[in-house]
Amino acid sequence: MNNAGGKPKICLVKDLDEYNFKTMPVGTLLGHRTPESHACILVKDADGTDHTQEYIYTENDEVRLKRPAFPA
């Protein structure tokens, strides 16, 4: 996702698609966000309920999993 200035706010890891249909363990690195950015990755279920706070945390501008996940 790019902002108006063209710099990405979040860069996903390049091999993220390799986790499809596999369990991603706690602490899995999902990407990096631009320093001082408030950008985030959203996690929603099929009904649109937001579960971001349950699954995602950011530390030192690294976006990681709080709990195991099975992307499909």
PDB file of N, CA and C in Angstrom:
ATOM      1  N   MET A   1       0.847  -1.167   0.000  1.00  0.00           N
ATOM      2  CA  MET A   1       0.000   0.000   0.000  1.00  0.00           C
ATOM      3  C   MET A   1       0.891   1.229   0.000  1.00  0.00           C
ATOM      4  N   ASN A   2       0.608   2.170  -0.856  1.00  0.00           N
ATOM      5  CA  ASN A   2       1.410   3.380  -0.943  1.00  0.00           C
ATOM      6  C   ASN A   2       0.622   4.580  -0.458  1.00  0.00           C
ATOM      7  N   ASN A   3       1.340   5.520   0.139  1.00  0.00           N
ATOM      8  CA  ASN A   3       0.702   6.778   0.510  1.00  0.00           C
ATOM      9  C   ASN A   3       0.857   7.752  -0.655  1.00  0.00           C
ATOM     10  N   ALA A   4       0.386   8.954  -0.480  1.00  0.00           N
ATOM     11  CA  ALA A   4       0.419   9.938  -1.563  1.00  0.00           C
ATOM     12  C   ALA A   4       1.833  10.262  -2.010  1.00  0.00           C
ATOM     13  N   GLY A   5       2.817  10.146  -1.121  1.00  0.00           N
ATOM     14  CA  GLY A   5       4.196  10.445  -1.472  1.00  0.00           C
ATOM     15  C   GLY A   5       4.890   9.304  -2.192  1.00  0.00           C
ATOM     16  N   GLY A   6       4.232   8.161  -2.291  1.00  0.00           N
ATOM     17  CA  GLY A   6       4.793   7.039  -3.010  1.00  0.00           C
ATOM     18  C   GLY A   6       5.630   6.088  -2.169  1.00  0.00           C
ATOM     19  N   LYS A   7       5.910   6.424  -0.911  1.00  0.00           N
ATOM     20  CA  LYS A   7       6.678   5.523  -0.053  1.00  0.00           C
ATOM     21  C   LYS A   7       5.728   4.552   0.629  1.00  0.00           C
ATOM     22  N   PRO A   8       6.047   3.267   0.610  1.00  0.00           N
ATOM     23  CA  PRO A   8       5.151   2.316   1.279  1.00  0.00           C
ATOM     24  C   PRO A   8       5.140   2.519   2.785  1.00  0.00           C
ATOM     25  N   LYS A   9       3.976   2.394   3.385  1.00  0.00           N
ATOM     26  CA  LYS A   9       3.862   2.491   4.837  1.00  0.00           C
ATOM     27  C   LYS A   9       4.117   1.129   5.475  1.00  0.00           C
ATOM     28  N   ILE A  10       3.726   0.060   4.778  1.00  0.00           N
ATOM     29  CA  ILE A  10       4.004  -1.299   5.224  1.00  0.00           C
ATOM     30  C   ILE A  10       4.532  -2.086   4.039  1.00  0.00           C
ATOM     31  N   CYS A  11       5.632  -2.781   4.250  1.00  0.00           N
ATOM     32  CA  CYS A  11       6.183  -3.682   3.235  1.00  0.00           C
ATOM     33  C   CYS A  11       6.065  -5.100   3.779  1.00  0.00           C
ATOM     34  N   LEU A  12       5.275  -5.926   3.112  1.00  0.00           N
ATOM     35  CA  LEU A  12       5.124  -7.312   3.524  1.00  0.00           C
ATOM     36  C   LEU A  12       6.365  -8.107   3.156  1.00  0.00           C
ATOM     37  N   VAL A  13       6.651  -9.151   3.927  1.00  0.00           N
ATOM     38  CA  VAL A  13       7.784 -10.006   3.596  1.00  0.00           C
ATOM     39  C   VAL A  13       7.504 -10.667   2.245  1.00  0.00           C
ATOM     40  N   LYS A  14       8.542 -10.875   1.468  1.00  0.00           N
ATOM     41  CA  LYS A  14       8.333 -11.338   0.091  1.00  0.00           C
ATOM     42  C   LYS A  14       7.836 -12.770  -0.010  1.00  0.00           C
ATOM     43  N   ASP A  15       8.078 -13.606   0.977  1.00  0.00           N
ATOM     44  CA  ASP A  15       7.664 -15.006   0.897  1.00  0.00           C
ATOM     45  C   ASP A  15       6.406 -15.295   1.713  1.00  0.00           C
ATOM     46  N   LEU A  16       5.614 -14.290   1.993  1.00  0.00           N
ATOM     47  CA  LEU A  16       4.425 -14.445   2.822  1.00  0.00           C
ATOM     48  C   LEU A  16       3.453 -15.470   2.240  1.00  0.00           C
ATOM     49  N   ASP A  17       3.346 -15.534   0.927  1.00  0.00           N
ATOM     50  CA  ASP A  17       2.417 -16.475   0.296  1.00  0.00           C
ATOM     51  C   ASP A  17       2.793 -17.937   0.545  1.00  0.00           C
ATOM     52  N   GLU A  18       4.017 -18.201   0.946  1.00  0.00           N
ATOM     53  CA  GLU A  18       4.428 -19.571   1.253  1.00  0.00           C
ATOM     54  C   GLU A  18       3.742 -20.103   2.507  1.00  0.00           C
ATOM     55  N   TYR A  19       3.116 -19.227   3.299  1.00  0.00           N
ATOM     56  CA  TYR A  19       2.407 -19.645   4.500  1.00  0.00           C
ATOM     57  C   TYR A  19       0.961 -20.052   4.233  1.00  0.00           C
ATOM     58  N   ASN A  20       0.474 -19.885   3.000  1.00  0.00           N
ATOM     59  CA  ASN A  20      -0.901 -20.276   2.703  1.00  0.00           C
ATOM     60  C   ASN A  20      -1.107 -21.739   3.049  1.00  0.00           C
ATOM     61  N   PHE A  21      -2.161 -22.008   3.795  1.00  0.00           N
ATOM     62  CA  PHE A  21      -2.561 -23.354   4.211  1.00  0.00           C
ATOM     63  C   PHE A  21      -1.522 -24.028   5.105  1.00  0.00           C
ATOM     64  N   LYS A  22      -0.739 -23.228   5.827  1.00  0.00           N
ATOM     65  CA  LYS A  22       0.230 -23.717   6.810  1.00  0.00           C
ATOM     66  C   LYS A  22       0.078 -22.871   8.072  1.00  0.00           C
ATOM     67  N   THR A  23       0.359 -23.468   9.210  1.00  0.00           N
ATOM     68  CA  THR A  23       0.276 -22.720  10.459  1.00  0.00           C
ATOM     69  C   THR A  23       1.461 -21.766  10.578  1.00  0.00           C
ATOM     70  N   MET A  24       1.160 -20.517  10.844  1.00  0.00           N
ATOM     71  CA  MET A  24       2.173 -19.502  11.081  1.00  0.00           C
ATOM     72  C   MET A  24       2.350 -19.390  12.594  1.00  0.00           C
ATOM     73  N   PRO A  25       3.550 -19.608  13.126  1.00  0.00           N
ATOM     74  CA  PRO A  25       3.741 -19.579  14.575  1.00  0.00           C
ATOM     75  C   PRO A  25       3.745 -18.158  15.150  1.00  0.00           C
ATOM     76  N   VAL A  26       3.575 -18.094  16.468  1.00  0.00           N
ATOM     77  CA  VAL A  26       3.672 -16.824  17.197  1.00  0.00           C
ATOM     78  C   VAL A  26       5.000 -16.156  16.847  1.00  0.00           C
ATOM     79  N   GLY A  27       4.960 -14.857  16.619  1.00  0.00           N
ATOM     80  CA  GLY A  27       6.170 -14.099  16.323  1.00  0.00           C
ATOM     81  C   GLY A  27       6.547 -14.055  14.857  1.00  0.00           C
ATOM     82  N   THR A  28       5.781 -14.746  13.993  1.00  0.00           N
ATOM     83  CA  THR A  28       6.085 -14.722  12.559  1.00  0.00           C
ATOM     84  C   THR A  28       6.120 -13.283  12.066  1.00  0.00           C
ATOM     85  N   LEU A  29       7.195 -12.929  11.363  1.00  0.00           N
ATOM     86  CA  LEU A  29       7.329 -11.592  10.783  1.00  0.00           C
ATOM     87  C   LEU A  29       6.459 -11.501   9.534  1.00  0.00           C
ATOM     88  N   LEU A  30       5.528 -10.551   9.546  1.00  0.00           N
ATOM     89  CA  LEU A  30       4.651 -10.326   8.403  1.00  0.00           C
ATOM     90  C   LEU A  30       5.157  -9.205   7.513  1.00  0.00           C
ATOM     91  N   GLY A  31       5.840  -8.242   8.105  1.00  0.00           N
ATOM     92  CA  GLY A  31       6.339  -7.118   7.329  1.00  0.00           C
ATOM     93  C   GLY A  31       6.955  -6.058   8.219  1.00  0.00           C
ATOM     94  N   HIS A  32       7.353  -4.981   7.579  1.00  0.00           N
ATOM     95  CA  HIS A  32       7.944  -3.833   8.272  1.00  0.00           C
ATOM     96  C   HIS A  32       7.122  -2.604   7.921  1.00  0.00           C
ATOM     97  N   ARG A  33       6.941  -1.737   8.903  1.00  0.00           N
ATOM     98  CA  ARG A  33       6.234  -0.499   8.599  1.00  0.00           C
ATOM     99  C   ARG A  33       7.193   0.676   8.684  1.00  0.00           C
ATOM    100  N   THR A  34       6.853   1.714   7.956  1.00  0.00           N
ATOM    101  CA  THR A  34       7.657   2.924   7.938  1.00  0.00           C
ATOM    102  C   THR A  34       7.753   3.482   9.354  1.00  0.00           C
ATOM    103  N   PRO A  35       8.966   3.848   9.804  1.00  0.00           N
ATOM    104  CA  PRO A  35       9.112   4.409  11.149  1.00  0.00           C
ATOM    105  C   PRO A  35       8.115   5.546  11.386  1.00  0.00           C
ATOM    106  N   GLU A  36       7.549   5.551  12.575  1.00  0.00           N
ATOM    107  CA  GLU A  36       6.585   6.549  13.016  1.00  0.00           C
ATOM    108  C   GLU A  36       5.258   6.499  12.255  1.00  0.00           C
ATOM    109  N   SER A  37       5.078   5.471  11.444  1.00  0.00           N
ATOM    110  CA  SER A  37       3.805   5.286  10.749  1.00  0.00           C
ATOM    111  C   SER A  37       2.826   4.608  11.693  1.00  0.00           C
ATOM    112  N   HIS A  38       1.572   4.904  11.528  1.00  0.00           N
ATOM    113  CA  HIS A  38       0.541   4.228  12.305  1.00  0.00           C
ATOM    114  C   HIS A  38      -0.191   3.208  11.433  1.00  0.00           C
ATOM    115  N   ALA A  39       0.399   2.874  10.299  1.00  0.00           N
ATOM    116  CA  ALA A  39      -0.202   1.898   9.398  1.00  0.00           C
ATOM    117  C   ALA A  39      -0.242   0.536  10.082  1.00  0.00           C
ATOM    118  N   CYS A  40      -1.258  -0.246   9.738  1.00  0.00           N
ATOM    119  CA  CYS A  40      -1.362  -1.575  10.335  1.00  0.00           C
ATOM    120  C   CYS A  40      -1.970  -2.551   9.340  1.00  0.00           C
ATOM    121  N   ILE A  41      -1.823  -3.815   9.657  1.00  0.00           N
ATOM    122  CA  ILE A  41      -2.470  -4.877   8.910  1.00  0.00           C
ATOM    123  C   ILE A  41      -3.750  -5.212   9.666  1.00  0.00           C
ATOM    124  N   LEU A  42      -4.858  -5.294   8.961  1.00  0.00           N
ATOM    125  CA  LEU A  42      -6.124  -5.615   9.600  1.00  0.00           C
ATOM    126  C   LEU A  42      -6.408  -7.105   9.481  1.00  0.00           C
ATOM    127  N   VAL A  43      -6.989  -7.671  10.531  1.00  0.00           N
ATOM    128  CA  VAL A  43      -7.397  -9.074  10.531  1.00  0.00           C
ATOM    129  C   VAL A  43      -8.892  -9.105  10.788  1.00  0.00           C
ATOM    130  N   LYS A  44      -9.650  -9.610   9.799  1.00  0.00           N
ATOM    131  CA  LYS A  44     -11.102  -9.695   9.928  1.00  0.00           C
ATOM    132  C   LYS A  44     -11.556 -11.088   9.541  1.00  0.00           C
ATOM    133  N   ASP A  45     -12.641 -11.539  10.177  1.00  0.00           N
ATOM    134  CA  ASP A  45     -13.194 -12.840   9.821  1.00  0.00           C
ATOM    135  C   ASP A  45     -14.185 -12.676   8.672  1.00  0.00           C
ATOM    136  N   ALA A  46     -14.801 -13.778   8.269  1.00  0.00           N
ATOM    137  CA  ALA A  46     -15.709 -13.768   7.117  1.00  0.00           C
ATOM    138  C   ALA A  46     -16.916 -12.858   7.330  1.00  0.00           C
ATOM    139  N   ASP A  47     -17.281 -12.612   8.584  1.00  0.00           N
ATOM    140  CA  ASP A  47     -18.403 -11.720   8.891  1.00  0.00           C
ATOM    141  C   ASP A  47     -17.990 -10.261   9.005  1.00  0.00           C
ATOM    142  N   GLY A  48     -16.698  -9.990   8.869  1.00  0.00           N
ATOM    143  CA  GLY A  48     -16.209  -8.622   8.941  1.00  0.00           C
ATOM    144  C   GLY A  48     -15.824  -8.163  10.346  1.00  0.00           C
ATOM    145  N   THR A  49     -15.873  -9.077  11.320  1.00  0.00           N
ATOM    146  CA  THR A  49     -15.489  -8.729  12.683  1.00  0.00           C
ATOM    147  C   THR A  49     -13.977  -8.541  12.756  1.00  0.00           C
ATOM    148  N   ASP A  50     -13.559  -7.448  13.347  1.00  0.00           N
ATOM    149  CA  ASP A  50     -12.130  -7.116  13.445  1.00  0.00           C
ATOM    150  C   ASP A  50     -11.465  -7.905  14.580  1.00  0.00           C
ATOM    151  N   HIS A  51     -10.386  -8.618  14.240  1.00  0.00           N
ATOM    152  CA  HIS A  51      -9.618  -9.406  15.209  1.00  0.00           C
ATOM    153  C   HIS A  51      -8.150  -8.969  15.247  1.00  0.00           C
ATOM    154  N   THR A  52      -7.881  -7.787  14.733  1.00  0.00           N
ATOM    155  CA  THR A  52      -6.505  -7.297  14.626  1.00  0.00           C
ATOM    156  C   THR A  52      -5.772  -7.336  15.960  1.00  0.00           C
ATOM    157  N   GLN A  53      -6.390  -6.830  17.025  1.00  0.00           N
ATOM    158  CA  GLN A  53      -5.723  -6.768  18.330  1.00  0.00           C
ATOM    159  C   GLN A  53      -5.391  -8.149  18.882  1.00  0.00           C
ATOM    160  N   GLU A  54      -6.130  -9.163  18.458  1.00  0.00           N
ATOM    161  CA  GLU A  54      -5.883 -10.534  18.908  1.00  0.00           C
ATOM    162  C   GLU A  54      -4.706 -11.182  18.186  1.00  0.00           C
ATOM    163  N   TYR A  55      -4.433 -10.743  16.955  1.00  0.00           N
ATOM    164  CA  TYR A  55      -3.457 -11.430  16.114  1.00  0.00           C
ATOM    165  C   TYR A  55      -2.184 -10.665  15.793  1.00  0.00           C
ATOM    166  N   ILE A  56      -2.216  -9.350  15.823  1.00  0.00           N
ATOM    167  CA  ILE A  56      -1.097  -8.553  15.302  1.00  0.00           C
ATOM    168  C   ILE A  56      -0.500  -7.658  16.385  1.00  0.00           C
ATOM    169  N   TYR A  57       0.835  -7.568  16.396  1.00  0.00           N
ATOM    170  CA  TYR A  57       1.507  -6.565  17.220  1.00  0.00           C
ATOM    171  C   TYR A  57       2.668  -5.993  16.425  1.00  0.00           C
ATOM    172  N   THR A  58       3.072  -4.802  16.805  1.00  0.00           N
ATOM    173  CA  THR A  58       4.187  -4.131  16.150  1.00  0.00           C
ATOM    174  C   THR A  58       5.238  -3.811  17.196  1.00  0.00           C
ATOM    175  N   GLU A  59       6.483  -4.147  16.868  1.00  0.00           N
ATOM    176  CA  GLU A  59       7.604  -3.881  17.759  1.00  0.00           C
ATOM    177  C   GLU A  59       8.797  -3.476  16.902  1.00  0.00           C
ATOM    178  N   ASN A  60       9.370  -2.331  17.202  1.00  0.00           N
ATOM    179  CA  ASN A  60      10.501  -1.817  16.414  1.00  0.00           C
ATOM    180  C   ASN A  60      10.174  -1.778  14.929  1.00  0.00           C
ATOM    181  N   ASP A  61       8.947  -1.368  14.608  1.00  0.00           N
ATOM    182  CA  ASP A  61       8.456  -1.243  13.231  1.00  0.00           C
ATOM    183  C   ASP A  61       8.360  -2.577  12.502  1.00  0.00           C
ATOM    184  N   GLU A  62       8.427  -3.689  13.229  1.00  0.00           N
ATOM    185  CA  GLU A  62       8.180  -5.010  12.650  1.00  0.00           C
ATOM    186  C   GLU A  62       6.757  -5.422  13.000  1.00  0.00           C
ATOM    187  N   VAL A  63       6.029  -5.897  12.011  1.00  0.00           N
ATOM    188  CA  VAL A  63       4.660  -6.352  12.212  1.00  0.00           C
ATOM    189  C   VAL A  63       4.712  -7.873  12.348  1.00  0.00           C
ATOM    190  N   ARG A  64       4.228  -8.393  13.498  1.00  0.00           N
ATOM    191  CA  ARG A  64       4.351  -9.820  13.818  1.00  0.00           C
ATOM    192  C   ARG A  64       3.029 -10.387  14.346  1.00  0.00           C
ATOM    193  N   LEU A  65       2.963 -11.715  14.369  1.00  0.00           N
ATOM    194  CA  LEU A  65       1.795 -12.405  14.898  1.00  0.00           C
ATOM    195  C   LEU A  65       1.869 -12.569  16.409  1.00  0.00           C
ATOM    196  N   LYS A  66       0.757 -12.310  17.090  1.00  0.00           N
ATOM    197  CA  LYS A  66       0.645 -12.525  18.534  1.00  0.00           C
ATOM    198  C   LYS A  66       0.298 -13.972  18.853  1.00  0.00           C
ATOM    199  N   ARG A  67      -0.368 -14.635  17.929  1.00  0.00           N
ATOM    200  CA  ARG A  67      -0.821 -16.009  18.145  1.00  0.00           C
ATOM    201  C   ARG A  67      -0.734 -16.783  16.842  1.00  0.00           C
ATOM    202  N   PRO A  68      -0.740 -18.095  16.905  1.00  0.00           N
ATOM    203  CA  PRO A  68      -0.665 -18.870  15.660  1.00  0.00           C
ATOM    204  C   PRO A  68      -1.844 -18.535  14.738  1.00  0.00           C
ATOM    205  N   ALA A  69      -1.605 -18.635  13.456  1.00  0.00           N
ATOM    206  CA  ALA A  69      -2.642 -18.366  12.467  1.00  0.00           C
ATOM    207  C   ALA A  69      -2.496 -19.350  11.303  1.00  0.00           C
ATOM    208  N   PHE A  70      -3.602 -19.644  10.666  1.00  0.00           N
ATOM    209  CA  PHE A  70      -3.636 -20.570   9.537  1.00  0.00           C
ATOM    210  C   PHE A  70      -4.305 -19.855   8.381  1.00  0.00           C
ATOM    211  N   PRO A  71      -3.538 -19.127   7.559  1.00  0.00           N
ATOM    212  CA  PRO A  71      -4.143 -18.397   6.453  1.00  0.00           C
ATOM    213  C   PRO A  71      -4.616 -19.346   5.344  1.00  0.00           C
ATOM    214  N   ALA A  72      -5.756 -19.065   4.817  1.00  0.00           N
ATOM    215  CA  ALA A  72      -6.296 -19.909   3.746  1.00  0.00           C
ATOM    216  C   ALA A  72      -6.887 -19.045   2.656  1.00  0.00           C
TER     217      ALA A  72
END
